[in-house]
Each structure stands twice: as structure tokens, then as C-alpha cells.
PDB file of N, CA and C in Angstrom:
ATOM      1  N   UNK A   1       0.497  -1.475   0.323  1.00  0.00           N
ATOM      2  CA  UNK A   1      -0.340   0.040  -0.153  1.00  0.00           C
ATOM      3  C   UNK A   1       1.000   1.209  -0.105  1.00  0.00           C
ATOM      4  N   UNK A   2       0.579   1.903  -0.604  1.00  0.00           N
ATOM      5  CA  UNK A   2       1.541   3.542  -0.942  1.00  0.00           C
ATOM      6  C   UNK A   2       0.505   4.276  -0.066  1.00  0.00           C
ATOM      7  N   UNK A   3       0.547   5.730   0.204  1.00  0.00           N
ATOM      8  CA  UNK A   3      -0.023   6.981   0.989  1.00  0.00           C
ATOM      9  C   UNK A   3      -0.850   6.969  -0.363  1.00  0.00           C
ATOM     10  N   UNK A   4      -2.252   6.946   0.711  1.00  0.00           N
ATOM     11  CA  UNK A   4      -3.307   7.231   0.005  1.00  0.00           C
ATOM     12  C   UNK A   4      -3.259   9.087  -0.507  1.00  0.00           C
ATOM     13  N   UNK A   5      -2.355  10.027  -0.307  1.00  0.00           N
ATOM     14  CA  UNK A   5      -2.012  11.311  -0.610  1.00  0.00           C
ATOM     15  C   UNK A   5      -1.461  11.522  -2.434  1.00  0.00           C
ATOM     16  N   UNK A   6      -1.090   9.960  -2.373  1.00  0.00           N
ATOM     17  CA  UNK A   6       0.206  10.424  -3.765  1.00  0.00           C
ATOM     18  C   UNK A   6      -0.504   8.953  -4.917  1.00  0.00           C
ATOM     19  N   UNK A   7      -1.702   7.940  -3.702  1.00  0.00           N
ATOM     20  CA  UNK A   7      -2.071   6.729  -4.693  1.00  0.00           C
ATOM     21  C   UNK A   7      -3.372   7.744  -5.759  1.00  0.00           C
ATOM     22  N   UNK A   8      -3.434   8.342  -7.189  1.00  0.00           N
ATOM     23  CA  UNK A   8      -4.213   8.217  -7.667  1.00  0.00           C
ATOM     24  C   UNK A   8      -5.516   7.477  -7.709  1.00  0.00           C
ATOM     25  N   UNK A   9      -5.638   6.714  -7.328  1.00  0.00           N
ATOM     26  CA  UNK A   9      -7.059   6.025  -7.209  1.00  0.00           C
ATOM     27  C   UNK A   9      -7.742   7.275  -6.188  1.00  0.00           C
ATOM     28  N   UNK A  10      -7.251   7.758  -5.311  1.00  0.00           N
ATOM     29  CA  UNK A  10      -8.067   8.493  -4.511  1.00  0.00           C
ATOM     30  C   UNK A  10      -8.295   9.619  -4.679  1.00  0.00           C
ATOM     31  N   UNK A  11      -7.202  10.300  -5.531  1.00  0.00           N
ATOM     32  CA  UNK A  11      -7.611  11.951  -6.088  1.00  0.00           C
ATOM     33  C   UNK A  11      -8.512  12.076  -6.763  1.00  0.00           C
ATOM     34  N   UNK A  12      -9.306  13.344  -6.358  1.00  0.00           N
ATOM     35  CA  UNK A  12     -10.431  14.272  -6.647  1.00  0.00           C
ATOM     36  C   UNK A  12      -9.659  15.114  -7.604  1.00  0.00           C
ATOM     37  N   UNK A  13     -11.316  15.369  -8.498  1.00  0.00           N
ATOM     38  CA  UNK A  13     -10.797  16.655  -9.198  1.00  0.00           C
ATOM     39  C   UNK A  13      -9.625  17.622  -9.047  1.00  0.00           C
ATOM     40  N   UNK A  14      -9.854  18.239  -8.255  1.00  0.00           N
ATOM     41  CA  UNK A  14      -8.857  19.375  -7.456  1.00  0.00           C
ATOM     42  C   UNK A  14      -7.303  18.667  -7.838  1.00  0.00           C
ATOM     43  N   UNK A  15      -6.951  17.862  -8.036  1.00  0.00           N
ATOM     44  CA  UNK A  15      -5.535  16.821  -7.956  1.00  0.00           C
ATOM     45  C   UNK A  15      -4.961  17.256  -8.584  1.00  0.00           C
ATOM     46  N   UNK A  16      -5.271  17.993  -9.554  1.00  0.00           N
ATOM     47  CA  UNK A  16      -4.499  18.641 -11.100  1.00  0.00           C
ATOM     48  C   UNK A  16      -4.714  19.981 -11.282  1.00  0.00           C
ATOM     49  N   UNK A  17      -3.982  20.763 -11.286  1.00  0.00           N
ATOM     50  CA  UNK A  17      -4.376  21.945 -11.446  1.00  0.00           C
ATOM     51  C   UNK A  17      -3.361  23.199 -12.298  1.00  0.00           C
ATOM     52  N   UNK A  18      -3.519  23.999 -12.294  1.00  0.00           N
ATOM     53  CA  UNK A  18      -3.174  24.652 -13.422  1.00  0.00           C
ATOM     54  C   UNK A  18      -2.053  26.592 -12.203  1.00  0.00           C
ATOM     55  N   UNK A  19      -1.314  27.236 -12.213  1.00  0.00           N
ATOM     56  CA  UNK A  19      -0.731  27.942 -11.815  1.00  0.00           C
ATOM     57  C   UNK A  19      -0.291  28.342 -12.826  1.00  0.00           C
ATOM     58  N   UNK A  20       0.006  30.294 -12.541  1.00  0.00           N
ATOM     59  CA  UNK A  20       0.588  31.179 -13.402  1.00  0.00           C
ATOM     60  C   UNK A  20       2.247  31.137 -13.099  1.00  0.00           C
ATOM     61  N   UNK A  21       3.487  30.906 -14.165  1.00  0.00           N
ATOM     62  CA  UNK A  21       4.737  31.366 -13.021  1.00  0.00           C
ATOM     63  C   UNK A  21       4.339  32.170 -12.824  1.00  0.00           C
ATOM     64  N   UNK A  22       5.458  32.558 -12.055  1.00  0.00           N
ATOM     65  CA  UNK A  22       5.524  33.929 -11.308  1.00  0.00           C
ATOM     66  C   UNK A  22       6.402  34.706 -12.195  1.00  0.00           C
ATOM     67  N   UNK A  23       7.116  34.320 -12.970  1.00  0.00           N
ATOM     68  CA  UNK A  23       8.035  35.141 -13.851  1.00  0.00           C
ATOM     69  C   UNK A  23       7.531  35.739 -15.006  1.00  0.00           C
ATOM     70  N   UNK A  24       7.244  34.607 -15.880  1.00  0.00           N
ATOM     71  CA  UNK A  24       6.702  34.774 -17.530  1.00  0.00           C
ATOM     72  C   UNK A  24       4.905  35.127 -17.334  1.00  0.00           C
ATOM     73  N   UNK A  25       4.479  34.217 -16.236  1.00  0.00           N
ATOM     74  CA  UNK A  25       3.031  34.129 -16.260  1.00  0.00           C
ATOM     75  C   UNK A  25       2.261  33.212 -17.217  1.00  0.00           C
ATOM     76  N   UNK A  26       3.246  32.593 -17.793  1.00  0.00           N
ATOM     77  CA  UNK A  26       2.776  31.374 -18.400  1.00  0.00           C
ATOM     78  C   UNK A  26       1.931  30.280 -17.698  1.00  0.00           C
ATOM     79  N   UNK A  27       1.577  29.290 -18.144  1.00  0.00           N
ATOM     80  CA  UNK A  27      -0.216  28.467 -17.360  1.00  0.00           C
ATOM     81  C   UNK A  27       1.097  27.147 -17.363  1.00  0.00           C
ATOM     82  N   UNK A  28       1.466  26.467 -15.703  1.00  0.00           N
ATOM     83  CA  UNK A  28       2.330  25.705 -15.826  1.00  0.00           C
ATOM     84  C   UNK A  28       0.596  24.658 -14.865  1.00  0.00           C
ATOM     85  N   UNK A  29       1.290  22.797 -15.520  1.00  0.00           N
ATOM     86  CA  UNK A  29       0.624  22.136 -14.990  1.00  0.00           C
ATOM     87  C   UNK A  29       0.625  21.457 -13.796  1.00  0.00           C
ATOM     88  N   UNK A  30       0.521  21.340 -12.363  1.00  0.00           N
ATOM     89  CA  UNK A  30       1.158  20.809 -11.140  1.00  0.00           C
ATOM     90  C   UNK A  30       0.237  20.081 -11.024  1.00  0.00           C
ATOM     91  N   UNK A  31       0.780  18.434 -10.747  1.00  0.00           N
ATOM     92  CA  UNK A  31      -0.409  17.229 -10.047  1.00  0.00           C
ATOM     93  C   UNK A  31       0.231  17.739  -8.738  1.00  0.00           C
ATOM     94  N   UNK A  32      -0.884  17.288  -7.950  1.00  0.00           N
ATOM     95  CA  UNK A  32      -1.446  17.935  -6.216  1.00  0.00           C
ATOM     96  C   UNK A  32       0.573  16.704  -5.930  1.00  0.00           C
ATOM     97  N   UNK A  33       1.076  16.323  -6.330  1.00  0.00           N
ATOM     98  CA  UNK A  33       2.015  15.456  -5.483  1.00  0.00           C
ATOM     99  C   UNK A  33       3.423  15.885  -6.087  1.00  0.00           C
ATOM    100  N   UNK A  34       2.959  16.962  -7.010  1.00  0.00           N
ATOM    101  CA  UNK A  34       4.553  17.181  -7.815  1.00  0.00           C
ATOM    102  C   UNK A  34       5.239  18.741  -6.370  1.00  0.00           C
ATOM    103  N   UNK A  35       6.799  18.139  -6.384  1.00  0.00           N
ATOM    104  CA  UNK A  35       6.811  19.473  -5.546  1.00  0.00           C
ATOM    105  C   UNK A  35       6.991  20.728  -5.687  1.00  0.00           C
ATOM    106  N   UNK A  36       7.836  20.323  -7.153  1.00  0.00           N
ATOM    107  CA  UNK A  36       8.047  21.644  -8.705  1.00  0.00           C
ATOM    108  C   UNK A  36       8.319  21.150 -10.051  1.00  0.00           C
ATOM    109  N   UNK A  37       8.122  22.307 -10.692  1.00  0.00           N
ATOM    110  CA  UNK A  37       7.691  22.037 -11.969  1.00  0.00           C
ATOM    111  C   UNK A  37       8.597  22.969 -12.810  1.00  0.00           C
ATOM    112  N   UNK A  38       9.172  23.304 -14.484  1.00  0.00           N
ATOM    113  CA  UNK A  38      10.241  24.046 -14.649  1.00  0.00           C
ATOM    114  C   UNK A  38       8.637  24.467 -15.910  1.00  0.00           C
ATOM    115  N   UNK A  39       8.901  25.872 -15.318  1.00  0.00           N
ATOM    116  CA  UNK A  39       7.588  26.568 -16.998  1.00  0.00           C
ATOM    117  C   UNK A  39       8.538  26.239 -18.415  1.00  0.00           C
ATOM    118  N   UNK A  40       7.571  26.074 -19.323  1.00  0.00           N
ATOM    119  CA  UNK A  40       8.361  26.146 -20.822  1.00  0.00           C
ATOM    120  C   UNK A  40       8.292  27.070 -21.280  1.00  0.00           C
ATOM    121  N   UNK A  41       7.848  27.776 -20.494  1.00  0.00           N
ATOM    122  CA  UNK A  41       8.271  29.650 -21.325  1.00  0.00           C
ATOM    123  C   UNK A  41       9.390  30.444 -20.979  1.00  0.00           C
ATOM    124  N   UNK A  42       9.428  30.151 -19.407  1.00  0.00           N
ATOM    125  CA  UNK A  42      10.920  31.053 -19.264  1.00  0.00           C
ATOM    126  C   UNK A  42      11.993  30.026 -18.288  1.00  0.00           C
ATOM    127  N   UNK A  43      11.674  28.639 -18.300  1.00  0.00           N
ATOM    128  CA  UNK A  43      12.616  27.478 -17.804  1.00  0.00           C
ATOM    129  C   UNK A  43      12.701  28.073 -16.543  1.00  0.00           C
ATOM    130  N   UNK A  44      11.837  28.946 -15.511  1.00  0.00           N
ATOM    131  CA  UNK A  44      12.119  28.917 -14.233  1.00  0.00           C
ATOM    132  C   UNK A  44      11.200  27.285 -13.624  1.00  0.00           C
ATOM    133  N   UNK A  45      12.319  27.369 -12.483  1.00  0.00           N
ATOM    134  CA  UNK A  45      11.424  26.236 -11.675  1.00  0.00           C
ATOM    135  C   UNK A  45      11.061  26.898 -10.579  1.00  0.00           C
ATOM    136  N   UNK A  46       9.945  26.138 -10.236  1.00  0.00           N
ATOM    137  CA  UNK A  46       9.474  26.930  -8.998  1.00  0.00           C
ATOM    138  C   UNK A  46       8.310  25.768  -7.846  1.00  0.00           C
ATOM    139  N   UNK A  47       8.079  26.301  -7.094  1.00  0.00           N
ATOM    140  CA  UNK A  47       7.743  24.586  -6.435  1.00  0.00           C
ATOM    141  C   UNK A  47       5.944  25.204  -6.498  1.00  0.00           C
ATOM    142  N   UNK A  48       5.712  24.209  -5.917  1.00  0.00           N
ATOM    143  CA  UNK A  48       4.024  23.710  -6.066  1.00  0.00           C
ATOM    144  C   UNK A  48       3.506  24.770  -4.716  1.00  0.00           C
ATOM    145  N   UNK A  49       2.724  25.336  -5.204  1.00  0.00           N
ATOM    146  CA  UNK A  49       2.077  26.459  -4.003  1.00  0.00           C
ATOM    147  C   UNK A  49       0.954  25.466  -3.415  1.00  0.00           C
ATOM    148  N   UNK A  50       0.308  24.389  -4.106  1.00  0.00           N
ATOM    149  CA  UNK A  50      -0.795  23.824  -3.206  1.00  0.00           C
ATOM    150  C   UNK A  50      -0.420  22.444  -2.177  1.00  0.00           C
ATOM    151  N   UNK A  51       0.900  22.524  -2.240  1.00  0.00           N
ATOM    152  CA  UNK A  51       1.990  21.103  -1.720  1.00  0.00           C
ATOM    153  C   UNK A  51       1.462  21.103  -0.280  1.00  0.00           C
ATOM    154  N   UNK A  52       1.270  19.979   0.146  1.00  0.00           N
ATOM    155  CA  UNK A  52       0.691  20.147   1.538  1.00  0.00           C
ATOM    156  C   UNK A  52       1.985  19.267   2.284  1.00  0.00           C
ATOM    157  N   UNK A  53       2.679  19.391   3.175  1.00  0.00           N
ATOM    158  CA  UNK A  53       3.484  18.754   3.650  1.00  0.00           C
ATOM    159  C   UNK A  53       3.792  18.150   5.375  1.00  0.00           C
ATOM    160  N   UNK A  54       2.283  18.795   6.116  1.00  0.00           N
ATOM    161  CA  UNK A  54       2.106  18.454   7.123  1.00  0.00           C
ATOM    162  C   UNK A  54       2.082  16.892   7.996  1.00  0.00           C
ATOM    163  N   UNK A  55       1.223  16.227   6.585  1.00  0.00           N
ATOM    164  CA  UNK A  55       1.430  15.142   7.024  1.00  0.00           C
ATOM    165  C   UNK A  55       2.436  14.096   7.218  1.00  0.00           C
ATOM    166  N   UNK A  56       3.756  15.175   6.393  1.00  0.00           N
ATOM    167  CA  UNK A  56       5.056  13.712   6.858  1.00  0.00           C
ATOM    168  C   UNK A  56       5.648  13.341   8.374  1.00  0.00           C
ATOM    169  N   UNK A  57       4.882  14.809   8.913  1.00  0.00           N
ATOM    170  CA  UNK A  57       5.145  14.210  10.290  1.00  0.00           C
ATOM    171  C   UNK A  57       4.964  13.284  11.269  1.00  0.00           C
ATOM    172  N   UNK A  58       3.089  12.689  10.961  1.00  0.00           N
ATOM    173  CA  UNK A  58       2.941  11.813  11.415  1.00  0.00           C
ATOM    174  C   UNK A  58       2.452  10.234  10.706  1.00  0.00           C
ATOM    175  N   UNK A  59       2.770  10.301   9.165  1.00  0.00           N
ATOM    176  CA  UNK A  59       2.282   9.341   8.177  1.00  0.00           C
ATOM    177  C   UNK A  59       3.456   8.291   8.238  1.00  0.00           C
ATOM    178  N   UNK A  60       2.962   7.016   8.679  1.00  0.00           N
ATOM    179  CA  UNK A  60       3.664   5.834   8.283  1.00  0.00           C
ATOM    180  C   UNK A  60       4.736   5.478   7.203  1.00  0.00           C
ATOM    181  N   UNK A  61       3.990   6.482   6.096  1.00  0.00           N
ATOM    182  CA  UNK A  61       4.581   6.328   4.992  1.00  0.00           C
ATOM    183  C   UNK A  61       5.559   7.654   4.311  1.00  0.00           C
ATOM    184  N   UNK A  62       5.198   8.620   5.093  1.00  0.00           N
ATOM    185  CA  UNK A  62       6.452  10.115   5.432  1.00  0.00           C
ATOM    186  C   UNK A  62       7.778   9.731   4.512  1.00  0.00           C
ATOM    187  N   UNK A  63       8.322   8.460   4.996  1.00  0.00           N
ATOM    188  CA  UNK A  63      10.060   8.853   4.299  1.00  0.00           C
ATOM    189  C   UNK A  63       9.609   8.490   2.742  1.00  0.00           C
ATOM    190  N   UNK A  64       8.836   7.746   2.144  1.00  0.00           N
ATOM    191  CA  UNK A  64       8.397   7.719   0.520  1.00  0.00           C
ATOM    192  C   UNK A  64       8.391   8.949  -0.076  1.00  0.00           C
ATOM    193  N   UNK A  65       7.646   9.812   0.921  1.00  0.00           N
ATOM    194  CA  UNK A  65       7.175  10.848   0.282  1.00  0.00           C
ATOM    195  C   UNK A  65       8.112  11.963   0.538  1.00  0.00           C
ATOM    196  N   UNK A  66       9.170  12.154   1.587  1.00  0.00           N
ATOM    197  CA  UNK A  66      10.183  12.863   1.229  1.00  0.00           C
ATOM    198  C   UNK A  66      10.926  12.613   0.479  1.00  0.00           C
ATOM    199  N   UNK A  67      11.413  11.540  -0.343  1.00  0.00           N
ATOM    200  CA  UNK A  67      11.863  11.371  -1.073  1.00  0.00           C
ATOM    201  C   UNK A  67      11.441  11.844  -2.674  1.00  0.00           C
ATOM    202  N   UNK A  68      10.028  11.747  -2.900  1.00  0.00           N
ATOM    203  CA  UNK A  68       9.500  12.488  -3.930  1.00  0.00           C
ATOM    204  C   UNK A  68      10.055  14.104  -3.610  1.00  0.00           C
ATOM    205  N   UNK A  69       9.734  14.691  -2.654  1.00  0.00           N
ATOM    206  CA  UNK A  69       9.355  16.214  -1.950  1.00  0.00           C
ATOM    207  C   UNK A  69      11.102  16.488  -2.578  1.00  0.00           C
ATOM    208  N   UNK A  70      12.209  15.535  -2.511  1.00  0.00           N
ATOM    209  CA  UNK A  70      13.421  16.213  -2.407  1.00  0.00           C
ATOM    210  C   UNK A  70      13.919  16.220  -4.312  1.00  0.00           C
ATOM    211  N   UNK A  71      12.931  15.317  -5.503  1.00  0.00           N
ATOM    212  CA  UNK A  71      13.657  15.108  -6.713  1.00  0.00           C
ATOM    213  C   UNK A  71      13.985  16.213  -7.341  1.00  0.00           C
TER     214      UNK A  71
END
């Protein structure tokens, strides 16, 4: 079993969303479990503004998620 937060079987409609690049304003698509993305317009890498990490303090799967976040 993997963390329900990153298991796509449990995702809702808001798990994939778009954010404006803070540098150039282009639209960048994020999946809720991605920690960062690179803008295709200006190549700036920026962090997911909606990522939740509060569960890392108590979740038994936290070590797996920490590895994903550090990519």
C-alpha cells in the first residue's frame, strides 16, 4: 500500500491544477504530489504552491514522500 495522498485512485478533481508562472505568467500544470515544475515559457523552476507537507510529521509512509519531494 502506498500513501493515499499520492495514490491516484484516491485523487479528486482538484488533484491536477494550473498555476501562473511567477516569472513570465505562462500556465504551468501541477499534479498535487509534485513538489516543483519547470515553466516551458521561461525555464524557471518553482515550487507547487498547494503542496501539503503537514502529514509528513505523522504518516507511516512519510519517508517515501520525503524522497519524492526532494527530487
